[in-house]
């Protein structure tokens, strides 16, 4: 029996589950070959390099990455060296960003302060993205009761503000960089899981997934080899967006005293220690760390916007 309809038309995609049994060609159907994927990656890279939004954001992010990696060599002075006689001095040729209440160079502390936040925020986001991807894929792939139970748990955690949940966890576990990473990663997991679930639902009923099931591929193979490459775009965009939220969360927790602890030159911690001096019109110890946070978050959002524009094409 022929699988073709009169007039040479192919059966609709919805019929692949039965037609694959008749037409062996459908049983080896793949969404895209490796060569095609490589071509798509090259084209996306070319578009990103031609995107002003992405390039401006990427250059600012690279600057802060350089500060995080080589801050000790870039900083003009030690960020921990105190000078009581030179405290709260305004910006000058010897201290471009002025000094804080202990006479420490604010510029050096801003540069070196990138180290903690550029370590904690991306690592925490990567952890949350990995966990959220697994949770979201399992819920969407299996559907039914599994999806219902998983998503109700996800909704329960999403109902709690991330900062409050993070603060409670840090009070119980004690503040440290590693604890902040795990706490923020845990907080981001249900948020990212919802995004991944929505992306996988759009792919779950595609022909290549049905073909993989007809080949009796294992569930993990279908999810992570067949489906995952086709939802990597939304996951990457979500990752960059969450890095910006993670930076704000880390800074907020440090400001509240639950995150990175003194004498680290963390930006949020510095603002918490110096903001009282704003009443005396001493603005520089607070302004420059705040601008650093803002510039990093804005640049990451620019990168995210650039990625979203490319992947939506």
Foldseek 3Di string as FASTA:
>chain_A
DDQADPPRHHDDQLCLLPCCVVPVVLLPDAPDDPVRVVVLVVVLVVLLVVDPLQVVLVVLLVLLVCLQVCLVVPQPDDQPDFDCVQALAPADPVQNLGHHNRRGRLRSLLSNQSNLLVVQLLLLLVLLLVLLLVLLLVLQQVDDPSVVVSLVVLVVLVVDPLLVQLLVQLVVVPADSVSLSPSSSVSSNSVNSVQNNVQVNVVNSGSNLSSCVVVVDDPVCSRVVRRCVVCVLSSVLVSLLSSLVSSVSQLVCLLVVSYDDPPRSHLSVQLNVGVVCVVVVSCSSNVVSVVSSVSNSSSSVSSSVSSVVSVVD
